PDB file of N, CA and C in Angstrom:
ATOM      1  N   MET A   1       0.817  -1.181   0.000  1.00  0.00           N
ATOM      2  CA  MET A   1       0.000   0.000   0.000  1.00  0.00           C
ATOM      3  C   MET A   1       0.861   1.245   0.000  1.00  0.00           C
ATOM      4  N   ALA A   2       1.990   1.211   0.684  1.00  0.00           N
ATOM      5  CA  ALA A   2       2.883   2.363   0.724  1.00  0.00           C
ATOM      6  C   ALA A   2       3.394   2.689  -0.676  1.00  0.00           C
ATOM      7  N   GLU A   3       3.628   1.637  -1.481  1.00  0.00           N
ATOM      8  CA  GLU A   3       4.104   1.879  -2.845  1.00  0.00           C
ATOM      9  C   GLU A   3       3.040   2.590  -3.664  1.00  0.00           C
ATOM     10  N   ARG A   4       1.789   2.238  -3.463  1.00  0.00           N
ATOM     11  CA  ARG A   4       0.708   2.877  -4.202  1.00  0.00           C
ATOM     12  C   ARG A   4       0.603   4.344  -3.807  1.00  0.00           C
ATOM     13  N   ASP A   5       0.697   4.633  -2.520  1.00  0.00           N
ATOM     14  CA  ASP A   5       0.637   6.010  -2.056  1.00  0.00           C
ATOM     15  C   ASP A   5       1.808   6.813  -2.620  1.00  0.00           C
ATOM     16  N   ASN A   6       3.001   6.241  -2.631  1.00  0.00           N
ATOM     17  CA  ASN A   6       4.171   6.924  -3.154  1.00  0.00           C
ATOM     18  C   ASN A   6       3.993   7.191  -4.643  1.00  0.00           C
ATOM     19  N   GLY A   7       3.423   6.261  -5.371  1.00  0.00           N
ATOM     20  CA  GLY A   7       3.167   6.449  -6.795  1.00  0.00           C
ATOM     21  C   GLY A   7       2.178   7.565  -7.034  1.00  0.00           C
ATOM     22  N   PHE A   8       1.179   7.672  -6.188  1.00  0.00           N
ATOM     23  CA  PHE A   8       0.198   8.749  -6.305  1.00  0.00           C
ATOM     24  C   PHE A   8       0.868  10.087  -6.056  1.00  0.00           C
ATOM     25  N   GLY A   9       1.708  10.173  -5.030  1.00  0.00           N
ATOM     26  CA  GLY A   9       2.422  11.411  -4.716  1.00  0.00           C
ATOM     27  C   GLY A   9       3.344  11.805  -5.860  1.00  0.00           C
ATOM     28  N   THR A  10       4.015  10.833  -6.430  1.00  0.00           N
ATOM     29  CA  THR A  10       4.901  11.101  -7.561  1.00  0.00           C
ATOM     30  C   THR A  10       4.095  11.595  -8.753  1.00  0.00           C
ATOM     31  N   PHE A  11       2.939  10.987  -8.985  1.00  0.00           N
ATOM     32  CA  PHE A  11       2.081  11.414 -10.090  1.00  0.00           C
ATOM     33  C   PHE A  11       1.641  12.859  -9.900  1.00  0.00           C
ATOM     34  N   VAL A  12       1.189  13.205  -8.696  1.00  0.00           N
ATOM     35  CA  VAL A  12       0.732  14.573  -8.429  1.00  0.00           C
ATOM     36  C   VAL A  12       1.873  15.558  -8.619  1.00  0.00           C
ATOM     37  N   LEU A  13       3.047  15.215  -8.105  1.00  0.00           N
ATOM     38  CA  LEU A  13       4.212  16.091  -8.253  1.00  0.00           C
ATOM     39  C   LEU A  13       4.554  16.274  -9.736  1.00  0.00           C
ATOM     40  N   GLY A  14       4.578  15.192 -10.486  1.00  0.00           N
ATOM     41  CA  GLY A  14       4.858  15.277 -11.923  1.00  0.00           C
ATOM     42  C   GLY A  14       3.812  16.077 -12.654  1.00  0.00           C
ATOM     43  N   PHE A  15       2.557  15.903 -12.272  1.00  0.00           N
ATOM     44  CA  PHE A  15       1.467  16.658 -12.873  1.00  0.00           C
ATOM     45  C   PHE A  15       1.651  18.151 -12.636  1.00  0.00           C
ATOM     46  N   LEU A  16       1.982  18.516 -11.417  1.00  0.00           N
ATOM     47  CA  LEU A  16       2.167  19.934 -11.088  1.00  0.00           C
ATOM     48  C   LEU A  16       3.366  20.523 -11.832  1.00  0.00           C
ATOM     49  N   ILE A  17       4.475  19.800 -11.828  1.00  0.00           N
ATOM     50  CA  ILE A  17       5.670  20.301 -12.522  1.00  0.00           C
ATOM     51  C   ILE A  17       5.407  20.430 -14.017  1.00  0.00           C
ATOM     52  N   GLY A  18       4.739  19.450 -14.598  1.00  0.00           N
ATOM     53  CA  GLY A  18       4.409  19.511 -16.026  1.00  0.00           C
ATOM     54  C   GLY A  18       3.480  20.665 -16.338  1.00  0.00           C
ATOM     55  N   GLY A  19       2.508  20.887 -15.474  1.00  0.00           N
ATOM     56  CA  GLY A  19       1.578  21.996 -15.681  1.00  0.00           C
ATOM     57  C   GLY A  19       2.274  23.340 -15.611  1.00  0.00           C
ATOM     58  N   ILE A  20       3.139  23.487 -14.628  1.00  0.00           N
ATOM     59  CA  ILE A  20       3.887  24.742 -14.483  1.00  0.00           C
ATOM     60  C   ILE A  20       4.800  24.965 -15.675  1.00  0.00           C
ATOM     61  N   THR A  21       5.518  23.918 -16.060  1.00  0.00           N
ATOM     62  CA  THR A  21       6.442  24.031 -17.197  1.00  0.00           C
ATOM     63  C   THR A  21       5.685  24.399 -18.473  1.00  0.00           C
ATOM     64  N   GLY A  22       4.584  23.730 -18.725  1.00  0.00           N
ATOM     65  CA  GLY A  22       3.791  24.025 -19.924  1.00  0.00           C
ATOM     66  C   GLY A  22       3.259  25.451 -19.909  1.00  0.00           C
ATOM     67  N   ALA A  23       2.807  25.902 -18.752  1.00  0.00           N
ATOM     68  CA  ALA A  23       2.283  27.267 -18.656  1.00  0.00           C
ATOM     69  C   ALA A  23       3.375  28.293 -18.914  1.00  0.00           C
ATOM     70  N   VAL A  24       4.550  28.081 -18.330  1.00  0.00           N
ATOM     71  CA  VAL A  24       5.652  29.026 -18.507  1.00  0.00           C
ATOM     72  C   VAL A  24       6.092  29.076 -19.971  1.00  0.00           C
ATOM     73  N   VAL A  25       6.244  27.908 -20.585  1.00  0.00           N
ATOM     74  CA  VAL A  25       6.686  27.869 -21.993  1.00  0.00           C
ATOM     75  C   VAL A  25       5.652  28.545 -22.892  1.00  0.00           C
ATOM     76  N   SER A  26       4.390  28.259 -22.651  1.00  0.00           N
ATOM     77  CA  SER A  26       3.367  28.874 -23.509  1.00  0.00           C
ATOM     78  C   SER A  26       3.326  30.385 -23.319  1.00  0.00           C
ATOM     79  N   LEU A  27       3.563  30.854 -22.124  1.00  0.00           N
ATOM     80  CA  LEU A  27       3.561  32.300 -21.888  1.00  0.00           C
ATOM     81  C   LEU A  27       4.778  32.986 -22.509  1.00  0.00           C
ATOM     82  N   LEU A  28       5.905  32.308 -22.468  1.00  0.00           N
ATOM     83  CA  LEU A  28       7.116  32.901 -23.024  1.00  0.00           C
ATOM     84  C   LEU A  28       7.041  33.024 -24.546  1.00  0.00           C
ATOM     85  N   TYR A  29       6.368  32.122 -25.191  1.00  0.00           N
ATOM     86  CA  TYR A  29       6.274  32.151 -26.640  1.00  0.00           C
ATOM     87  C   TYR A  29       5.020  32.865 -27.144  1.00  0.00           C
ATOM     88  N   ALA A  30       4.165  33.305 -26.257  1.00  0.00           N
ATOM     89  CA  ALA A  30       2.940  33.990 -26.671  1.00  0.00           C
ATOM     90  C   ALA A  30       3.270  35.437 -27.065  1.00  0.00           C
ATOM     91  N   PRO A  31       2.668  35.925 -28.132  1.00  0.00           N
ATOM     92  CA  PRO A  31       2.920  37.311 -28.565  1.00  0.00           C
ATOM     93  C   PRO A  31       2.051  38.299 -27.776  1.00  0.00           C
ATOM     94  N   GLN A  32       2.482  38.592 -26.541  1.00  0.00           N
ATOM     95  CA  GLN A  32       1.748  39.516 -25.689  1.00  0.00           C
ATOM     96  C   GLN A  32       2.720  40.519 -25.083  1.00  0.00           C
ATOM     97  N   THR A  33       2.153  41.568 -24.555  1.00  0.00           N
ATOM     98  CA  THR A  33       2.996  42.538 -23.853  1.00  0.00           C
ATOM     99  C   THR A  33       3.358  41.970 -22.487  1.00  0.00           C
ATOM    100  N   GLY A  34       4.359  42.568 -21.872  1.00  0.00           N
ATOM    101  CA  GLY A  34       4.793  42.119 -20.544  1.00  0.00           C
ATOM    102  C   GLY A  34       3.682  42.209 -19.521  1.00  0.00           C
ATOM    103  N   GLU A  35       2.898  43.264 -19.593  1.00  0.00           N
ATOM    104  CA  GLU A  35       1.803  43.442 -18.641  1.00  0.00           C
ATOM    105  C   GLU A  35       0.741  42.356 -18.817  1.00  0.00           C
ATOM    106  N   GLN A  36       0.423  42.064 -20.053  1.00  0.00           N
ATOM    107  CA  GLN A  36      -0.551  41.004 -20.326  1.00  0.00           C
ATOM    108  C   GLN A  36      -0.014  39.643 -19.868  1.00  0.00           C
ATOM    109  N   THR A  37       1.272  39.412 -20.120  1.00  0.00           N
ATOM    110  CA  THR A  37       1.890  38.149 -19.717  1.00  0.00           C
ATOM    111  C   THR A  37       1.859  38.001 -18.195  1.00  0.00           C
ATOM    112  N   ARG A  38       2.177  39.091 -17.487  1.00  0.00           N
ATOM    113  CA  ARG A  38       2.150  39.025 -16.019  1.00  0.00           C
ATOM    114  C   ARG A  38       0.731  38.757 -15.511  1.00  0.00           C
ATOM    115  N   ALA A  39      -0.256  39.340 -16.148  1.00  0.00           N
ATOM    116  CA  ALA A  39      -1.648  39.117 -15.752  1.00  0.00           C
ATOM    117  C   ALA A  39      -2.037  37.654 -15.972  1.00  0.00           C
ATOM    118  N   VAL A  40      -1.609  37.108 -17.104  1.00  0.00           N
ATOM    119  CA  VAL A  40      -1.912  35.707 -17.403  1.00  0.00           C
ATOM    120  C   VAL A  40      -1.196  34.794 -16.411  1.00  0.00           C
ATOM    121  N   ILE A  41       0.075  35.115 -16.108  1.00  0.00           N
ATOM    122  CA  ILE A  41       0.834  34.305 -15.140  1.00  0.00           C
ATOM    123  C   ILE A  41       0.134  34.335 -13.788  1.00  0.00           C
ATOM    124  N   LYS A  42      -0.305  35.508 -13.377  1.00  0.00           N
ATOM    125  CA  LYS A  42      -0.990  35.629 -12.095  1.00  0.00           C
ATOM    126  C   LYS A  42      -2.279  34.807 -12.099  1.00  0.00           C
ATOM    127  N   GLU A  43      -3.029  34.894 -13.180  1.00  0.00           N
ATOM    128  CA  GLU A  43      -4.276  34.147 -13.303  1.00  0.00           C
ATOM    129  C   GLU A  43      -4.031  32.639 -13.260  1.00  0.00           C
ATOM    130  N   LYS A  44      -3.016  32.195 -14.010  1.00  0.00           N
ATOM    131  CA  LYS A  44      -2.687  30.765 -14.039  1.00  0.00           C
ATOM    132  C   LYS A  44      -2.189  30.297 -12.673  1.00  0.00           C
ATOM    133  N   ALA A  45      -1.427  31.137 -11.979  1.00  0.00           N
ATOM    134  CA  ALA A  45      -0.930  30.771 -10.650  1.00  0.00           C
ATOM    135  C   ALA A  45      -2.088  30.600  -9.678  1.00  0.00           C
ATOM    136  N   ILE A  46      -3.091  31.473  -9.786  1.00  0.00           N
ATOM    137  CA  ILE A  46      -4.265  31.354  -8.919  1.00  0.00           C
ATOM    138  C   ILE A  46      -5.026  30.072  -9.238  1.00  0.00           C
ATOM    139  N   GLU A  47      -5.191  29.778 -10.520  1.00  0.00           N
ATOM    140  CA  GLU A  47      -5.872  28.538 -10.916  1.00  0.00           C
ATOM    141  C   GLU A  47      -5.122  27.321 -10.402  1.00  0.00           C
ATOM    142  N   LEU A  48      -3.796  27.329 -10.559  1.00  0.00           N
ATOM    143  CA  LEU A  48      -2.978  26.208 -10.112  1.00  0.00           C
ATOM    144  C   LEU A  48      -3.065  26.045  -8.593  1.00  0.00           C
ATOM    145  N   ARG A  49      -3.054  27.166  -7.873  1.00  0.00           N
ATOM    146  CA  ARG A  49      -3.174  27.117  -6.415  1.00  0.00           C
ATOM    147  C   ARG A  49      -4.510  26.496  -6.016  1.00  0.00           C
ATOM    148  N   ASP A  50      -5.569  26.904  -6.680  1.00  0.00           N
ATOM    149  CA  ASP A  50      -6.897  26.365  -6.382  1.00  0.00           C
ATOM    150  C   ASP A  50      -6.971  24.870  -6.676  1.00  0.00           C
ATOM    151  N   LYS A  51      -6.420  24.470  -7.829  1.00  0.00           N
ATOM    152  CA  LYS A  51      -6.421  23.045  -8.179  1.00  0.00           C
ATOM    153  C   LYS A  51      -5.601  22.242  -7.183  1.00  0.00           C
ATOM    154  N   THR A  52      -4.452  22.792  -6.786  1.00  0.00           N
ATOM    155  CA  THR A  52      -3.603  22.104  -5.809  1.00  0.00           C
ATOM    156  C   THR A  52      -4.314  21.971  -4.477  1.00  0.00           C
ATOM    157  N   SER A  53      -4.983  23.034  -4.063  1.00  0.00           N
ATOM    158  CA  SER A  53      -5.738  23.014  -2.808  1.00  0.00           C
ATOM    159  C   SER A  53      -6.830  21.949  -2.866  1.00  0.00           C
ATOM    160  N   ASP A  54      -7.548  21.902  -3.990  1.00  0.00           N
ATOM    161  CA  ASP A  54      -8.597  20.892  -4.148  1.00  0.00           C
ATOM    162  C   ASP A  54      -8.004  19.482  -4.128  1.00  0.00           C
ATOM    163  N   SER A  55      -6.871  19.302  -4.807  1.00  0.00           N
ATOM    164  CA  SER A  55      -6.225  17.993  -4.842  1.00  0.00           C
ATOM    165  C   SER A  55      -5.778  17.572  -3.447  1.00  0.00           C
ATOM    166  N   LEU A  56      -5.214  18.508  -2.700  1.00  0.00           N
ATOM    167  CA  LEU A  56      -4.766  18.182  -1.343  1.00  0.00           C
ATOM    168  C   LEU A  56      -5.947  17.822  -0.446  1.00  0.00           C
ATOM    169  N   GLU A  57      -7.028  18.577  -0.552  1.00  0.00           N
ATOM    170  CA  GLU A  57      -8.210  18.276   0.249  1.00  0.00           C
ATOM    171  C   GLU A  57      -8.757  16.899  -0.103  1.00  0.00           C
ATOM    172  N   ASP A  58      -8.794  16.597  -1.380  1.00  0.00           N
ATOM    173  CA  ASP A  58      -9.272  15.288  -1.820  1.00  0.00           C
ATOM    174  C   ASP A  58      -8.352  14.181  -1.305  1.00  0.00           C
ATOM    175  N   THR A  59      -7.050  14.416  -1.368  1.00  0.00           N
ATOM    176  CA  THR A  59      -6.086  13.424  -0.886  1.00  0.00           C
ATOM    177  C   THR A  59      -6.238  13.209   0.612  1.00  0.00           C
ATOM    178  N   TYR A  60      -6.383  14.286   1.369  1.00  0.00           N
ATOM    179  CA  TYR A  60      -6.580  14.156   2.818  1.00  0.00           C
ATOM    180  C   TYR A  60      -7.868  13.391   3.124  1.00  0.00           C
ATOM    181  N   ARG A  61      -8.928  13.683   2.390  1.00  0.00           N
ATOM    182  CA  ARG A  61     -10.195  12.989   2.611  1.00  0.00           C
ATOM    183  C   ARG A  61     -10.048  11.492   2.331  1.00  0.00           C
ATOM    184  N   LYS A  62      -9.367  11.172   1.234  1.00  0.00           N
ATOM    185  CA  LYS A  62      -9.155   9.756   0.903  1.00  0.00           C
ATOM    186  C   LYS A  62      -8.293   9.071   1.961  1.00  0.00           C
ATOM    187  N   ALA A  63      -7.285   9.783   2.454  1.00  0.00           N
ATOM    188  CA  ALA A  63      -6.428   9.212   3.498  1.00  0.00           C
ATOM    189  C   ALA A  63      -7.222   8.974   4.776  1.00  0.00           C
ATOM    190  N   GLU A  64      -8.092   9.913   5.134  1.00  0.00           N
ATOM    191  CA  GLU A  64      -8.926   9.727   6.320  1.00  0.00           C
ATOM    192  C   GLU A  64      -9.870   8.539   6.135  1.00  0.00           C
ATOM    193  N   ASP A  65     -10.456   8.414   4.961  1.00  0.00           N
ATOM    194  CA  ASP A  65     -11.349   7.289   4.683  1.00  0.00           C
ATOM    195  C   ASP A  65     -10.592   5.968   4.780  1.00  0.00           C
ATOM    196  N   ALA A  66      -9.389   5.933   4.214  1.00  0.00           N
ATOM    197  CA  ALA A  66      -8.587   4.711   4.271  1.00  0.00           C
ATOM    198  C   ALA A  66      -8.212   4.375   5.716  1.00  0.00           C
ATOM    199  N   ALA A  67      -7.870   5.391   6.498  1.00  0.00           N
ATOM    200  CA  ALA A  67      -7.518   5.157   7.903  1.00  0.00           C
ATOM    201  C   ALA A  67      -8.725   4.642   8.678  1.00  0.00           C
ATOM    202  N   THR A  68      -9.888   5.215   8.420  1.00  0.00           N
ATOM    203  CA  THR A  68     -11.105   4.769   9.097  1.00  0.00           C
ATOM    204  C   THR A  68     -11.413   3.320   8.733  1.00  0.00           C
ATOM    205  N   ASP A  69     -11.294   2.986   7.447  1.00  0.00           N
ATOM    206  CA  ASP A  69     -11.521   1.604   7.016  1.00  0.00           C
ATOM    207  C   ASP A  69     -10.533   0.653   7.675  1.00  0.00           C
ATOM    208  N   ALA A  70      -9.275   1.060   7.767  1.00  0.00           N
ATOM    209  CA  ALA A  70      -8.258   0.205   8.383  1.00  0.00           C
ATOM    210  C   ALA A  70      -8.572  -0.025   9.856  1.00  0.00           C
ATOM    211  N   VAL A  71      -9.014   1.010  10.552  1.00  0.00           N
ATOM    212  CA  VAL A  71      -9.359   0.871  11.966  1.00  0.00           C
ATOM    213  C   VAL A  71     -10.547  -0.074  12.126  1.00  0.00           C
ATOM    214  N   GLU A  72     -11.550   0.077  11.284  1.00  0.00           N
ATOM    215  CA  GLU A  72     -12.726  -0.797  11.354  1.00  0.00           C
ATOM    216  C   GLU A  72     -12.341  -2.249  11.094  1.00  0.00           C
ATOM    217  N   LYS A  73     -11.495  -2.477  10.095  1.00  0.00           N
ATOM    218  CA  LYS A  73     -11.066  -3.840   9.795  1.00  0.00           C
ATOM    219  C   LYS A  73     -10.255  -4.421  10.944  1.00  0.00           C
ATOM    220  N   ALA A  74      -9.397  -3.604  11.548  1.00  0.00           N
ATOM    221  CA  ALA A  74      -8.607  -4.071  12.684  1.00  0.00           C
ATOM    222  C   ALA A  74      -9.523  -4.429  13.851  1.00  0.00           C
ATOM    223  N   GLN A  75     -10.534  -3.616  14.101  1.00  0.00           N
ATOM    224  CA  GLN A  75     -11.469  -3.914  15.185  1.00  0.00           C
ATOM    225  C   GLN A  75     -12.244  -5.194  14.897  1.00  0.00           C
ATOM    226  N   ASP A  76     -12.643  -5.395  13.648  1.00  0.00           N
ATOM    227  CA  ASP A  76     -13.326  -6.640  13.277  1.00  0.00           C
ATOM    228  C   ASP A  76     -12.422  -7.847  13.522  1.00  0.00           C
ATOM    229  N   LEU A  77     -11.153  -7.722  13.144  1.00  0.00           N
ATOM    230  CA  LEU A  77     -10.216  -8.824  13.359  1.00  0.00           C
ATOM    231  C   LEU A  77     -10.002  -9.094  14.845  1.00  0.00           C
ATOM    232  N   ILE A  78      -9.957  -8.044  15.646  1.00  0.00           N
ATOM    233  CA  ILE A  78      -9.798  -8.222  17.096  1.00  0.00           C
ATOM    234  C   ILE A  78     -11.010  -8.950  17.659  1.00  0.00           C
ATOM    235  N   ARG A  79     -12.210  -8.541  17.253  1.00  0.00           N
ATOM    236  CA  ARG A  79     -13.424  -9.218  17.738  1.00  0.00           C
ATOM    237  C   ARG A  79     -13.428 -10.683  17.321  1.00  0.00           C
ATOM    238  N   LEU A  80     -13.035 -10.961  16.084  1.00  0.00           N
ATOM    239  CA  LEU A  80     -12.982 -12.338  15.602  1.00  0.00           C
ATOM    240  C   LEU A  80     -11.960 -13.151  16.395  1.00  0.00           C
ATOM    241  N   ALA A  81     -10.804 -12.565  16.650  1.00  0.00           N
ATOM    242  CA  ALA A  81      -9.769 -13.262  17.416  1.00  0.00           C
ATOM    243  C   ALA A  81     -10.249 -13.543  18.837  1.00  0.00           C
ATOM    244  N   GLU A  82     -10.934 -12.578  19.458  1.00  0.00           N
ATOM    245  CA  GLU A  82     -11.463 -12.796  20.809  1.00  0.00           C
ATOM    246  C   GLU A  82     -12.497 -13.919  20.807  1.00  0.00           C
ATOM    247  N   LYS A  83     -13.361 -13.934  19.803  1.00  0.00           N
ATOM    248  CA  LYS A  83     -14.384 -14.983  19.700  1.00  0.00           C
ATOM    249  C   LYS A  83     -13.728 -16.360  19.564  1.00  0.00           C
ATOM    250  N   LYS A  84     -12.741 -16.438  18.672  1.00  0.00           N
ATOM    251  CA  LYS A  84     -12.047 -17.720  18.469  1.00  0.00           C
ATOM    252  C   LYS A  84     -11.305 -18.144  19.739  1.00  0.00           C
ATOM    253  N   ALA A  85     -10.684 -17.179  20.413  1.00  0.00           N
ATOM    254  CA  ALA A  85      -9.968 -17.505  21.652  1.00  0.00           C
ATOM    255  C   ALA A  85     -10.932 -18.030  22.705  1.00  0.00           C
ATOM    256  N   ASN A  86     -12.099 -17.432  22.811  1.00  0.00           N
ATOM    257  CA  ASN A  86     -13.103 -17.908  23.766  1.00  0.00           C
ATOM    258  C   ASN A  86     -13.584 -19.310  23.403  1.00  0.00           C
ATOM    259  N   GLU A  87     -13.777 -19.567  22.105  1.00  0.00           N
ATOM    260  CA  GLU A  87     -14.193 -20.897  21.664  1.00  0.00           C
ATOM    261  C   GLU A  87     -13.137 -21.939  22.009  1.00  0.00           C
ATOM    262  N   VAL A  88     -11.890 -21.614  21.735  1.00  0.00           N
ATOM    263  CA  VAL A  88     -10.794 -22.549  22.024  1.00  0.00           C
ATOM    264  C   VAL A  88     -10.685 -22.773  23.524  1.00  0.00           C
ATOM    265  N   ALA A  89     -10.822 -21.713  24.317  1.00  0.00           N
ATOM    266  CA  ALA A  89     -10.750 -21.853  25.772  1.00  0.00           C
ATOM    267  C   ALA A  89     -11.886 -22.735  26.278  1.00  0.00           C
ATOM    268  N   SER A  90     -13.073 -22.561  25.720  1.00  0.00           N
ATOM    269  CA  SER A  90     -14.219 -23.373  26.121  1.00  0.00           C
ATOM    270  C   SER A  90     -13.989 -24.843  25.764  1.00  0.00           C
ATOM    271  N   GLN A  91     -13.495 -25.073  24.555  1.00  0.00           N
ATOM    272  CA  GLN A  91     -13.206 -26.451  24.141  1.00  0.00           C
ATOM    273  C   GLN A  91     -12.110 -27.059  25.015  1.00  0.00           C
ATOM    274  N   GLY A  92     -11.108 -26.256  25.328  1.00  0.00           N
ATOM    275  CA  GLY A  92     -10.020 -26.737  26.187  1.00  0.00           C
ATOM    276  C   GLY A  92     -10.537 -27.089  27.569  1.00  0.00           C
ATOM    277  N   GLN A  93     -11.432 -26.286  28.110  1.00  0.00           N
ATOM    278  CA  GLN A  93     -12.009 -26.560  29.429  1.00  0.00           C
ATOM    279  C   GLN A  93     -12.800 -27.861  29.394  1.00  0.00           C
ATOM    280  N   THR A  94     -13.564 -28.076  28.320  1.00  0.00           N
ATOM    281  CA  THR A  94     -14.341 -29.309  28.186  1.00  0.00           C
ATOM    282  C   THR A  94     -13.419 -30.521  28.125  1.00  0.00           C
ATOM    283  N   VAL A  95     -12.370 -30.441  27.331  1.00  0.00           N
ATOM    284  CA  VAL A  95     -11.418 -31.548  27.214  1.00  0.00           C
ATOM    285  C   VAL A  95     -10.746 -31.803  28.566  1.00  0.00           C
ATOM    286  N   LEU A  96     -10.375 -30.746  29.262  1.00  0.00           N
ATOM    287  CA  LEU A  96      -9.741 -30.883  30.569  1.00  0.00           C
ATOM    288  C   LEU A  96     -10.665 -31.587  31.552  1.00  0.00           C
ATOM    289  N   GLU A  97     -11.924 -31.171  31.587  1.00  0.00           N
ATOM    290  CA  GLU A  97     -12.882 -31.798  32.503  1.00  0.00           C
ATOM    291  C   GLU A  97     -13.092 -33.265  32.159  1.00  0.00           C
ATOM    292  N   GLU A  98     -13.182 -33.597  30.863  1.00  0.00           N
ATOM    293  CA  GLU A  98     -13.346 -34.993  30.461  1.00  0.00           C
ATOM    294  C   GLU A  98     -12.123 -35.813  30.857  1.00  0.00           C
ATOM    295  N   THR A  99     -10.934 -35.253  30.654  1.00  0.00           N
ATOM    296  CA  THR A  99      -9.708 -35.966  30.989  1.00  0.00           C
ATOM    297  C   THR A  99      -9.606 -36.187  32.497  1.00  0.00           C
ATOM    298  N   VAL A 100      -9.939 -35.182  33.270  1.00  0.00           N
ATOM    299  CA  VAL A 100      -9.877 -35.306  34.731  1.00  0.00           C
ATOM    300  C   VAL A 100     -10.853 -36.366  35.208  1.00  0.00           C
ATOM    301  N   SER A 101     -12.047 -36.392  34.627  1.00  0.00           N
ATOM    302  CA  SER A 101     -13.030 -37.388  35.064  1.00  0.00           C
ATOM    303  C   SER A 101     -12.588 -38.800  34.708  1.00  0.00           C
ATOM    304  N   LYS A 102     -11.856 -38.966  33.619  1.00  0.00           N
ATOM    305  CA  LYS A 102     -11.369 -40.299  33.235  1.00  0.00           C
ATOM    306  C   LYS A 102     -10.197 -40.724  34.107  1.00  0.00           C
ATOM    307  N   VAL A 103      -9.405 -39.779  34.541  1.00  0.00           N
ATOM    308  CA  VAL A 103      -8.196 -40.104  35.287  1.00  0.00           C
ATOM    309  C   VAL A 103      -8.477 -40.289  36.774  1.00  0.00           C
ATOM    310  N   LYS A 104      -9.518 -39.685  37.298  1.00  0.00           N
ATOM    311  CA  LYS A 104      -9.828 -39.809  38.720  1.00  0.00           C
ATOM    312  C   LYS A 104      -9.922 -41.278  39.089  1.00  0.00           C
ATOM    313  N   PRO A 105      -9.229 -41.636  40.146  1.00  0.00           N
ATOM    314  CA  PRO A 105      -9.308 -43.056  40.548  1.00  0.00           C
ATOM    315  C   PRO A 105     -10.706 -43.375  41.060  1.00  0.00           C
ATOM    316  N   LYS A 106     -11.135 -44.544  40.671  1.00  0.00           N
ATOM    317  CA  LYS A 106     -12.438 -44.983  41.137  1.00  0.00           C
ATOM    318  C   LYS A 106     -12.244 -45.531  42.543  1.00  0.00           C
ATOM    319  N   LYS A 107     -13.258 -45.400  43.355  1.00  0.00           N
ATOM    320  CA  LYS A 107     -13.158 -45.899  44.724  1.00  0.00           C
ATOM    321  C   LYS A 107     -12.983 -47.415  44.669  1.00  0.00           C
ATOM    322  N   ALA A 108     -11.967 -47.834  45.345  1.00  0.00           N
ATOM    323  CA  ALA A 108     -11.702 -49.282  45.369  1.00  0.00           C
ATOM    324  C   ALA A 108     -12.702 -49.947  46.307  1.00  0.00           C
ATOM    325  N   THR A 109     -13.105 -51.138  45.915  1.00  0.00           N
ATOM    326  CA  THR A 109     -14.012 -51.886  46.781  1.00  0.00           C
ATOM    327  C   THR A 109     -13.166 -52.562  47.864  1.00  0.00           C
ATOM    328  N   PRO A 110     -13.641 -52.579  49.075  1.00  0.00           N
ATOM    329  CA  PRO A 110     -12.825 -53.183  50.154  1.00  0.00           C
ATOM    330  C   PRO A 110     -12.634 -54.677  49.879  1.00  0.00           C
ATOM    331  N   PRO A 111     -11.447 -55.161  50.196  1.00  0.00           N
ATOM    332  CA  PRO A 111     -11.188 -56.603  49.953  1.00  0.00           C
ATOM    333  C   PRO A 111     -12.102 -57.466  50.831  1.00  0.00           C
ATOM    334  N   ALA A 112     -12.427 -58.588  50.308  1.00  0.00           N
ATOM    335  CA  ALA A 112     -13.293 -59.529  51.051  1.00  0.00           C
ATOM    336  C   ALA A 112     -12.521 -60.054  52.254  1.00  0.00           C
ATOM    337  N   ALA A 113     -13.199 -60.132  53.318  1.00  0.00           N
ATOM    338  CA  ALA A 113     -12.553 -60.610  54.566  1.00  0.00           C
ATOM    339  C   ALA A 113     -12.333 -62.099  54.469  1.00  0.00           C
ATOM    340  N   GLU A 114     -11.167 -62.544  54.894  1.00  0.00           N
ATOM    341  CA  GLU A 114     -10.839 -63.980  54.849  1.00  0.00           C
ATOM    342  C   GLU A 114     -11.379 -64.646  56.071  1.00  0.00           C
ATOM    343  N   GLU A 115     -11.879 -65.809  55.891  1.00  0.00           N
ATOM    344  CA  GLU A 115     -12.416 -66.549  57.006  1.00  0.00           C
ATOM    345  C   GLU A 115     -11.578 -67.658  57.390  1.00  0.00           C
TER     346      GLU A 115
END
């Protein structure tokens, strides 16, 4: 799972770097005045900031959901383990009681008196 998360982070980072690079190159080659270019850069930076903010919020939400699911699954496994442990303990107690009853010496009958 850690590898998947790392791949997602790498993808987001690559996406952001590619977006920034593409925006800068397109602005540098666009036939506009410096003032217009600065306005476009500012506009694109605001858009990128908003998209990044949305992506981060979405990532945090997904991480919280995954953590909640993991906690629920862990609790289910704990309950299952407790149930199985109780079953095994009960079976062990039954076997112990049966073994003790078989091993208990039976009362010996008194020997017949010799005449």
